Amino acid sequence: MHMFDRTCRTHGIEHRLTKPNHPWTNGQVERMNRTIRAATVKRYHYDSQDQLTDFLAAILAAA
């Protein structure tokens, strides 16, 4: 098993693969990334990478 898959399983994350030549699925991922970016990096100032990492961890834990 690949390390990424093991990490996903450890954290209870379902790793899904998309079918080739189906761009709408990639669009869903890009929209989620934009939503996360708008809720974090563009809204708050972080003094360090660790602060951003901790904040993201808290958001993911709350989801």
PDB file of N, CA and C in Angstrom:
ATOM      1  N   MET A   1       0.848  -1.179   0.000  1.00  0.00           N
ATOM      2  CA  MET A   1       0.000   0.000   0.000  1.00  0.00           C
ATOM      3  C   MET A   1       0.895   1.245   0.000  1.00  0.00           C
ATOM      4  N   HIS A   2       0.500   2.231  -0.785  1.00  0.00           N
ATOM      5  CA  HIS A   2       1.256   3.466  -0.930  1.00  0.00           C
ATOM      6  C   HIS A   2       1.170   4.293   0.355  1.00  0.00           C
ATOM      7  N   MET A   3       2.211   5.046   0.662  1.00  0.00           N
ATOM      8  CA  MET A   3       2.265   5.837   1.890  1.00  0.00           C
ATOM      9  C   MET A   3       1.086   6.805   1.991  1.00  0.00           C
ATOM     10  N   PHE A   4       0.696   7.421   0.873  1.00  0.00           N
ATOM     11  CA  PHE A   4      -0.433   8.345   0.891  1.00  0.00           C
ATOM     12  C   PHE A   4      -1.709   7.622   1.312  1.00  0.00           C
ATOM     13  N   ASP A   5      -1.926   6.427   0.772  1.00  0.00           N
ATOM     14  CA  ASP A   5      -3.108   5.645   1.128  1.00  0.00           C
ATOM     15  C   ASP A   5      -3.096   5.250   2.599  1.00  0.00           C
ATOM     16  N   ARG A   6      -1.932   4.893   3.116  1.00  0.00           N
ATOM     17  CA  ARG A   6      -1.825   4.546   4.541  1.00  0.00           C
ATOM     18  C   ARG A   6      -2.151   5.746   5.416  1.00  0.00           C
ATOM     19  N   THR A   7      -1.648   6.920   5.033  1.00  0.00           N
ATOM     20  CA  THR A   7      -1.913   8.136   5.804  1.00  0.00           C
ATOM     21  C   THR A   7      -3.400   8.469   5.777  1.00  0.00           C
ATOM     22  N   CYS A   8      -4.018   8.350   4.616  1.00  0.00           N
ATOM     23  CA  CYS A   8      -5.456   8.596   4.512  1.00  0.00           C
ATOM     24  C   CYS A   8      -6.225   7.651   5.424  1.00  0.00           C
ATOM     25  N   ARG A   9      -5.893   6.377   5.363  1.00  0.00           N
ATOM     26  CA  ARG A   9      -6.594   5.384   6.182  1.00  0.00           C
ATOM     27  C   ARG A   9      -6.409   5.683   7.670  1.00  0.00           C
ATOM     28  N   THR A  10      -5.209   6.062   8.075  1.00  0.00           N
ATOM     29  CA  THR A  10      -4.928   6.381   9.475  1.00  0.00           C
ATOM     30  C   THR A  10      -5.822   7.512   9.977  1.00  0.00           C
ATOM     31  N   HIS A  11      -6.095   8.477   9.108  1.00  0.00           N
ATOM     32  CA  HIS A  11      -6.871   9.653   9.497  1.00  0.00           C
ATOM     33  C   HIS A  11      -8.342   9.557   9.093  1.00  0.00           C
ATOM     34  N   GLY A  12      -8.771   8.377   8.663  1.00  0.00           N
ATOM     35  CA  GLY A  12     -10.167   8.177   8.318  1.00  0.00           C
ATOM     36  C   GLY A  12     -10.610   8.920   7.066  1.00  0.00           C
ATOM     37  N   ILE A  13      -9.675   9.132   6.138  1.00  0.00           N
ATOM     38  CA  ILE A  13      -9.963   9.851   4.901  1.00  0.00           C
ATOM     39  C   ILE A  13     -10.161   8.847   3.771  1.00  0.00           C
ATOM     40  N   GLU A  14     -11.258   9.024   3.036  1.00  0.00           N
ATOM     41  CA  GLU A  14     -11.509   8.162   1.897  1.00  0.00           C
ATOM     42  C   GLU A  14     -10.761   8.721   0.690  1.00  0.00           C
ATOM     43  N   HIS A  15      -9.824   7.967   0.183  1.00  0.00           N
ATOM     44  CA  HIS A  15      -9.043   8.388  -0.984  1.00  0.00           C
ATOM     45  C   HIS A  15      -9.759   7.887  -2.225  1.00  0.00           C
ATOM     46  N   ARG A  16     -10.286   8.831  -3.001  1.00  0.00           N
ATOM     47  CA  ARG A  16     -10.991   8.466  -4.225  1.00  0.00           C
ATOM     48  C   ARG A  16     -10.200   8.911  -5.433  1.00  0.00           C
ATOM     49  N   LEU A  17     -10.176   8.074  -6.428  1.00  0.00           N
ATOM     50  CA  LEU A  17      -9.522   8.410  -7.688  1.00  0.00           C
ATOM     51  C   LEU A  17     -10.579   8.790  -8.705  1.00  0.00           C
ATOM     52  N   THR A  18     -10.222   9.670  -9.613  1.00  0.00           N
ATOM     53  CA  THR A  18     -11.162  10.088 -10.644  1.00  0.00           C
ATOM     54  C   THR A  18     -10.864   9.359 -11.942  1.00  0.00           C
ATOM     55  N   LYS A  19     -11.862   9.278 -12.781  1.00  0.00           N
ATOM     56  CA  LYS A  19     -11.679   8.655 -14.086  1.00  0.00           C
ATOM     57  C   LYS A  19     -10.950   9.639 -15.001  1.00  0.00           C
ATOM     58  N   PRO A  20     -10.050   9.143 -15.821  1.00  0.00           N
ATOM     59  CA  PRO A  20      -9.380  10.027 -16.783  1.00  0.00           C
ATOM     60  C   PRO A  20     -10.398  10.682 -17.716  1.00  0.00           C
ATOM     61  N   ASN A  21     -10.066  11.869 -18.166  1.00  0.00           N
ATOM     62  CA  ASN A  21     -10.886  12.609 -19.126  1.00  0.00           C
ATOM     63  C   ASN A  21     -12.257  13.003 -18.579  1.00  0.00           C
ATOM     64  N   HIS A  22     -12.354  13.210 -17.270  1.00  0.00           N
ATOM     65  CA  HIS A  22     -13.576  13.708 -16.649  1.00  0.00           C
ATOM     66  C   HIS A  22     -13.227  14.982 -15.871  1.00  0.00           C
ATOM     67  N   PRO A  23     -13.094  16.106 -16.554  1.00  0.00           N
ATOM     68  CA  PRO A  23     -12.596  17.336 -15.908  1.00  0.00           C
ATOM     69  C   PRO A  23     -13.531  17.915 -14.855  1.00  0.00           C
ATOM     70  N   TRP A  24     -14.826  17.571 -14.866  1.00  0.00           N
ATOM     71  CA  TRP A  24     -15.718  18.175 -13.883  1.00  0.00           C
ATOM     72  C   TRP A  24     -15.351  17.767 -12.465  1.00  0.00           C
ATOM     73  N   THR A  25     -14.788  16.571 -12.291  1.00  0.00           N
ATOM     74  CA  THR A  25     -14.373  16.144 -10.955  1.00  0.00           C
ATOM     75  C   THR A  25     -13.230  17.000 -10.453  1.00  0.00           C
ATOM     76  N   ASN A  26     -12.282  17.304 -11.316  1.00  0.00           N
ATOM     77  CA  ASN A  26     -11.182  18.176 -10.931  1.00  0.00           C
ATOM     78  C   ASN A  26     -11.714  19.553 -10.554  1.00  0.00           C
ATOM     79  N   GLY A  27     -12.741  20.016 -11.221  1.00  0.00           N
ATOM     80  CA  GLY A  27     -13.340  21.309 -10.906  1.00  0.00           C
ATOM     81  C   GLY A  27     -13.900  21.345  -9.501  1.00  0.00           C
ATOM     82  N   GLN A  28     -14.458  20.227  -9.036  1.00  0.00           N
ATOM     83  CA  GLN A  28     -14.977  20.161  -7.674  1.00  0.00           C
ATOM     84  C   GLN A  28     -13.842  20.338  -6.661  1.00  0.00           C
ATOM     85  N   VAL A  29     -12.727  19.696  -6.935  1.00  0.00           N
ATOM     86  CA  VAL A  29     -11.570  19.803  -6.045  1.00  0.00           C
ATOM     87  C   VAL A  29     -11.042  21.232  -6.038  1.00  0.00           C
ATOM     88  N   GLU A  30     -10.936  21.816  -7.216  1.00  0.00           N
ATOM     89  CA  GLU A  30     -10.438  23.192  -7.304  1.00  0.00           C
ATOM     90  C   GLU A  30     -11.353  24.152  -6.562  1.00  0.00           C
ATOM     91  N   ARG A  31     -12.659  23.942  -6.633  1.00  0.00           N
ATOM     92  CA  ARG A  31     -13.598  24.822  -5.928  1.00  0.00           C
ATOM     93  C   ARG A  31     -13.419  24.686  -4.423  1.00  0.00           C
ATOM     94  N   MET A  32     -13.220  23.459  -3.942  1.00  0.00           N
ATOM     95  CA  MET A  32     -13.000  23.260  -2.509  1.00  0.00           C
ATOM     96  C   MET A  32     -11.698  23.934  -2.070  1.00  0.00           C
ATOM     97  N   ASN A  33     -10.657  23.812  -2.885  1.00  0.00           N
ATOM     98  CA  ASN A  33      -9.395  24.476  -2.553  1.00  0.00           C
ATOM     99  C   ASN A  33      -9.578  25.992  -2.471  1.00  0.00           C
ATOM    100  N   ARG A  34     -10.364  26.548  -3.396  1.00  0.00           N
ATOM    101  CA  ARG A  34     -10.633  27.990  -3.370  1.00  0.00           C
ATOM    102  C   ARG A  34     -11.401  28.387  -2.119  1.00  0.00           C
ATOM    103  N   THR A  35     -12.355  27.556  -1.725  1.00  0.00           N
ATOM    104  CA  THR A  35     -13.138  27.830  -0.520  1.00  0.00           C
ATOM    105  C   THR A  35     -12.250  27.831   0.715  1.00  0.00           C
ATOM    106  N   ILE A  36     -11.389  26.846   0.827  1.00  0.00           N
ATOM    107  CA  ILE A  36     -10.474  26.764   1.970  1.00  0.00           C
ATOM    108  C   ILE A  36      -9.529  27.961   1.979  1.00  0.00           C
ATOM    109  N   ARG A  37      -8.998  28.311   0.819  1.00  0.00           N
ATOM    110  CA  ARG A  37      -8.076  29.455   0.723  1.00  0.00           C
ATOM    111  C   ARG A  37      -8.778  30.751   1.139  1.00  0.00           C
ATOM    112  N   ALA A  38     -10.005  30.937   0.685  1.00  0.00           N
ATOM    113  CA  ALA A  38     -10.748  32.154   1.023  1.00  0.00           C
ATOM    114  C   ALA A  38     -11.053  32.222   2.518  1.00  0.00           C
ATOM    115  N   ALA A  39     -11.272  31.069   3.141  1.00  0.00           N
ATOM    116  CA  ALA A  39     -11.603  31.031   4.563  1.00  0.00           C
ATOM    117  C   ALA A  39     -10.382  31.124   5.461  1.00  0.00           C
ATOM    118  N   THR A  40      -9.212  30.980   4.889  1.00  0.00           N
ATOM    119  CA  THR A  40      -8.006  30.961   5.728  1.00  0.00           C
ATOM    120  C   THR A  40      -6.991  32.000   5.291  1.00  0.00           C
ATOM    121  N   VAL A  41      -6.212  31.685   4.316  1.00  0.00           N
ATOM    122  CA  VAL A  41      -5.055  32.496   3.929  1.00  0.00           C
ATOM    123  C   VAL A  41      -5.443  33.920   3.547  1.00  0.00           C
ATOM    124  N   LYS A  42      -6.540  34.075   2.823  1.00  0.00           N
ATOM    125  CA  LYS A  42      -6.921  35.412   2.374  1.00  0.00           C
ATOM    126  C   LYS A  42      -7.681  36.204   3.427  1.00  0.00           C
ATOM    127  N   ARG A  43      -8.110  35.553   4.490  1.00  0.00           N
ATOM    128  CA  ARG A  43      -8.897  36.238   5.513  1.00  0.00           C
ATOM    129  C   ARG A  43      -8.085  36.584   6.753  1.00  0.00           C
ATOM    130  N   TYR A  44      -7.096  35.806   7.080  1.00  0.00           N
ATOM    131  CA  TYR A  44      -6.326  35.988   8.309  1.00  0.00           C
ATOM    132  C   TYR A  44      -4.848  36.172   7.994  1.00  0.00           C
ATOM    133  N   HIS A  45      -4.150  36.824   8.903  1.00  0.00           N
ATOM    134  CA  HIS A  45      -2.701  36.961   8.786  1.00  0.00           C
ATOM    135  C   HIS A  45      -2.055  35.968   9.749  1.00  0.00           C
ATOM    136  N   TYR A  46      -1.076  35.252   9.257  1.00  0.00           N
ATOM    137  CA  TYR A  46      -0.360  34.282  10.082  1.00  0.00           C
ATOM    138  C   TYR A  46       1.079  34.727  10.210  1.00  0.00           C
ATOM    139  N   ASP A  47       1.593  34.702  11.434  1.00  0.00           N
ATOM    140  CA  ASP A  47       2.977  35.102  11.671  1.00  0.00           C
ATOM    141  C   ASP A  47       3.966  34.014  11.291  1.00  0.00           C
ATOM    142  N   SER A  48       3.473  32.796  11.157  1.00  0.00           N
ATOM    143  CA  SER A  48       4.369  31.703  10.807  1.00  0.00           C
ATOM    144  C   SER A  48       3.595  30.601  10.080  1.00  0.00           C
ATOM    145  N   GLN A  49       4.328  29.733   9.447  1.00  0.00           N
ATOM    146  CA  GLN A  49       3.732  28.571   8.791  1.00  0.00           C
ATOM    147  C   GLN A  49       3.059  27.668   9.819  1.00  0.00           C
ATOM    148  N   ASP A  50       3.643  27.587  11.019  1.00  0.00           N
ATOM    149  CA  ASP A  50       3.061  26.749  12.073  1.00  0.00           C
ATOM    150  C   ASP A  50       1.672  27.234  12.474  1.00  0.00           C
ATOM    151  N   GLN A  51       1.472  28.556  12.528  1.00  0.00           N
ATOM    152  CA  GLN A  51       0.154  29.090  12.860  1.00  0.00           C
ATOM    153  C   GLN A  51      -0.870  28.681  11.807  1.00  0.00           C
ATOM    154  N   LEU A  52      -0.503  28.784  10.544  1.00  0.00           N
ATOM    155  CA  LEU A  52      -1.398  28.381   9.469  1.00  0.00           C
ATOM    156  C   LEU A  52      -1.694  26.886   9.553  1.00  0.00           C
ATOM    157  N   THR A  53      -0.676  26.087   9.775  1.00  0.00           N
ATOM    158  CA  THR A  53      -0.846  24.640   9.883  1.00  0.00           C
ATOM    159  C   THR A  53      -1.783  24.283  11.028  1.00  0.00           C
ATOM    160  N   ASP A  54      -1.606  24.931  12.175  1.00  0.00           N
ATOM    161  CA  ASP A  54      -2.478  24.666  13.331  1.00  0.00           C
ATOM    162  C   ASP A  54      -3.914  25.068  13.039  1.00  0.00           C
ATOM    163  N   PHE A  55      -4.106  26.204  12.381  1.00  0.00           N
ATOM    164  CA  PHE A  55      -5.436  26.672  12.046  1.00  0.00           C
ATOM    165  C   PHE A  55      -6.126  25.699  11.084  1.00  0.00           C
ATOM    166  N   LEU A  56      -5.414  25.253  10.058  1.00  0.00           N
ATOM    167  CA  LEU A  56      -5.978  24.302   9.117  1.00  0.00           C
ATOM    168  C   LEU A  56      -6.331  22.985   9.797  1.00  0.00           C
ATOM    169  N   ALA A  57      -5.482  22.549  10.701  1.00  0.00           N
ATOM    170  CA  ALA A  57      -5.764  21.304  11.444  1.00  0.00           C
ATOM    171  C   ALA A  57      -7.046  21.446  12.251  1.00  0.00           C
ATOM    172  N   ALA A  58      -7.252  22.616  12.858  1.00  0.00           N
ATOM    173  CA  ALA A  58      -8.470  22.856  13.648  1.00  0.00           C
ATOM    174  C   ALA A  58      -9.700  22.848  12.744  1.00  0.00           C
ATOM    175  N   ILE A  59      -9.596  23.437  11.569  1.00  0.00           N
ATOM    176  CA  ILE A  59     -10.726  23.454  10.638  1.00  0.00           C
ATOM    177  C   ILE A  59     -11.070  22.026  10.206  1.00  0.00           C
ATOM    178  N   LEU A  60     -10.061  21.257   9.874  1.00  0.00           N
ATOM    179  CA  LEU A  60     -10.301  19.882   9.422  1.00  0.00           C
ATOM    180  C   LEU A  60     -10.860  19.027  10.544  1.00  0.00           C
ATOM    181  N   ALA A  61     -10.417  19.275  11.766  1.00  0.00           N
ATOM    182  CA  ALA A  61     -10.929  18.505  12.910  1.00  0.00           C
ATOM    183  C   ALA A  61     -12.396  18.832  13.182  1.00  0.00           C
ATOM    184  N   ALA A  62     -12.792  20.051  12.889  1.00  0.00           N
ATOM    185  CA  ALA A  62     -14.172  20.463  13.127  1.00  0.00           C
ATOM    186  C   ALA A  62     -15.134  19.985  12.047  1.00  0.00           C
ATOM    187  N   ALA A  63     -14.585  19.616  10.901  1.00  0.00           N
ATOM    188  CA  ALA A  63     -15.442  19.232   9.765  1.00  0.00           C
ATOM    189  C   ALA A  63     -16.059  17.870   9.941  1.00  0.00           C
TER     190      ALA A  63
END
